[in-house]
C-alpha atoms as a PDB file:
ATOM      1  CA  MET A   1       0.000   0.000   0.000  1.00  0.00           C
ATOM      2  CA  ASP A   2       1.468   3.384  -0.935  1.00  0.00           C
ATOM      3  CA  ALA A   3       1.188   6.598   1.080  1.00  0.00           C
ATOM      4  CA  SER A   4      -1.733   6.342   3.465  1.00  0.00           C
ATOM      5  CA  ARG A   5      -3.430   8.775   5.773  1.00  0.00           C
ATOM      6  CA  VAL A   6      -5.056   7.901   9.068  1.00  0.00           C
ATOM      7  CA  ILE A   7      -7.947   9.991  10.335  1.00  0.00           C
ATOM      8  CA  LEU A   8      -9.325   9.290  13.800  1.00  0.00           C
ATOM      9  CA  VAL A   9     -12.928  10.140  14.619  1.00  0.00           C
ATOM     10  CA  ASN A  10     -13.836  10.676  18.249  1.00  0.00           C
ATOM     11  CA  ILE A  11     -17.478  10.465  19.217  1.00  0.00           C
ATOM     12  CA  GLY A  12     -18.883  12.506  22.077  1.00  0.00           C
ATOM     13  CA  GLU A  13     -15.805  13.610  24.039  1.00  0.00           C
ATOM     14  CA  LYS A  14     -14.665  17.192  24.518  1.00  0.00           C
ATOM     15  CA  LYS A  15     -11.675  18.570  22.641  1.00  0.00           C
ATOM     16  CA  GLU A  16      -9.783  19.161  25.903  1.00  0.00           C
ATOM     17  CA  GLU A  17     -10.218  15.519  26.962  1.00  0.00           C
ATOM     18  CA  ILE A  18      -8.921  14.254  23.630  1.00  0.00           C
ATOM     19  CA  GLU A  19      -5.936  16.620  23.666  1.00  0.00           C
ATOM     20  CA  SER A  20      -5.062  15.557  27.215  1.00  0.00           C
ATOM     21  CA  PHE A  21      -5.219  11.879  26.237  1.00  0.00           C
ATOM     22  CA  LEU A  22      -3.118  12.339  23.082  1.00  0.00           C
ATOM     23  CA  ASN A  23      -0.520  14.496  24.875  1.00  0.00           C
ATOM     24  CA  ARG A  24       0.343  11.541  27.116  1.00  0.00           C
ATOM     25  CA  PHE A  25       1.853   9.821  24.076  1.00  0.00           C
ATOM     26  CA  GLY A  26       3.941  12.742  22.802  1.00  0.00           C
ATOM     27  CA  SER A  27       3.473  13.773  19.200  1.00  0.00           C
ATOM     28  CA  ASN A  28       0.320  12.737  17.367  1.00  0.00           C
ATOM     29  CA  PRO A  29       0.757  11.986  13.643  1.00  0.00           C
ATOM     30  CA  PHE A  30      -2.986  11.630  13.044  1.00  0.00           C
ATOM     31  CA  THR A  31      -5.781  14.008  12.155  1.00  0.00           C
ATOM     32  CA  VAL A  32      -8.569  13.830  14.750  1.00  0.00           C
ATOM     33  CA  LEU A  33     -12.147  14.722  13.800  1.00  0.00           C
ATOM     34  CA  LEU A  34     -14.560  15.556  16.607  1.00  0.00           C
ATOM     35  CA  ASP A  35     -18.017  14.063  16.142  1.00  0.00           C
ATOM     36  CA  TYR A  36     -19.731  15.489  19.235  1.00  0.00           C
ATOM     37  CA  GLU A  37     -23.244  14.441  18.281  1.00  0.00           C
ATOM     38  CA  GLY A  38     -22.335  11.196  16.504  1.00  0.00           C
ATOM     39  CA  ALA A  39     -23.578  12.487  13.132  1.00  0.00           C
ATOM     40  CA  LEU A  40     -20.622  11.125  11.148  1.00  0.00           C
ATOM     41  CA  ALA A  41     -20.851   7.799  12.948  1.00  0.00           C
ATOM     42  CA  SER A  42     -24.538   7.644  12.109  1.00  0.00           C
ATOM     43  CA  ASP A  43     -23.935   8.559   8.461  1.00  0.00           C
ATOM     44  CA  CYS A  44     -21.271   5.829   8.218  1.00  0.00           C
ATOM     45  CA  LYS A  45     -23.558   3.351  10.013  1.00  0.00           C
ATOM     46  CA  VAL A  46     -21.021   2.685  12.764  1.00  0.00           C
ATOM     47  CA  ILE A  47     -22.448   0.038  15.087  1.00  0.00           C
ATOM     48  CA  GLY A  48     -19.467  -0.598  17.346  1.00  0.00           C
ATOM     49  CA  ILE A  49     -16.306   1.007  18.638  1.00  0.00           C
ATOM     50  CA  PRO A  50     -13.636   0.755  17.458  1.00  0.00           C
ATOM     51  CA  SER A  51     -14.712   0.761  13.831  1.00  0.00           C
ATOM     52  CA  PHE A  52     -12.418   0.850  10.836  1.00  0.00           C
ATOM     53  CA  ILE A  53     -13.348   2.178   7.419  1.00  0.00           C
ATOM     54  CA  ILE A  54     -10.676   1.963   4.730  1.00  0.00           C
ATOM     55  CA  ILE A  55     -11.332   4.268   1.769  1.00  0.00           C
ATOM     56  CA  ASP A  56      -9.180   4.165  -1.361  1.00  0.00           C
ATOM     57  CA  ARG A  57      -7.937   7.283  -3.113  1.00  0.00           C
ATOM     58  CA  ASP A  58     -10.931   7.118  -5.492  1.00  0.00           C
ATOM     59  CA  GLY A  59     -13.337   7.372  -2.550  1.00  0.00           C
ATOM     60  CA  ARG A  60     -14.445   3.719  -2.647  1.00  0.00           C
ATOM     61  CA  VAL A  61     -14.825   1.840   0.622  1.00  0.00           C
ATOM     62  CA  GLU A  62     -12.360  -1.074   0.628  1.00  0.00           C
ATOM     63  CA  PHE A  63     -13.152  -2.357   4.113  1.00  0.00           C
ATOM     64  CA  GLU A  64     -15.596  -1.762   6.978  1.00  0.00           C
ATOM     65  CA  GLY A  65     -15.485  -3.603  10.269  1.00  0.00           C
ATOM     66  CA  ASN A  66     -14.675  -3.678  13.966  1.00  0.00           C
ATOM     67  CA  TYR A  67     -11.213  -5.166  13.562  1.00  0.00           C
ATOM     68  CA  LEU A  68      -8.322  -4.227  11.313  1.00  0.00           C
ATOM     69  CA  PRO A  69      -7.285  -7.008   8.922  1.00  0.00           C
ATOM     70  CA  ARG A  70      -3.581  -7.844   8.717  1.00  0.00           C
ATOM     71  CA  ARG A  71      -3.314  -6.594   5.136  1.00  0.00           C
ATOM     72  CA  TYR A  72      -3.691  -3.039   6.459  1.00  0.00           C
END
């Protein structure tokens, strides 16, 4: 797989809580989206946490599930 980008989506927690959590690990290489009301999760039909959605560069969903397959 060539250059990939990881985007984390947090549902329901405050920005300060997320920043505090991430700061415990030093630098954070990921983009974090805040989904306070769960709208994105609802739109993506997320039914469990964690959920993984792999989208290719053409915008097609390659994988959806609650575990991350080894190939990723």
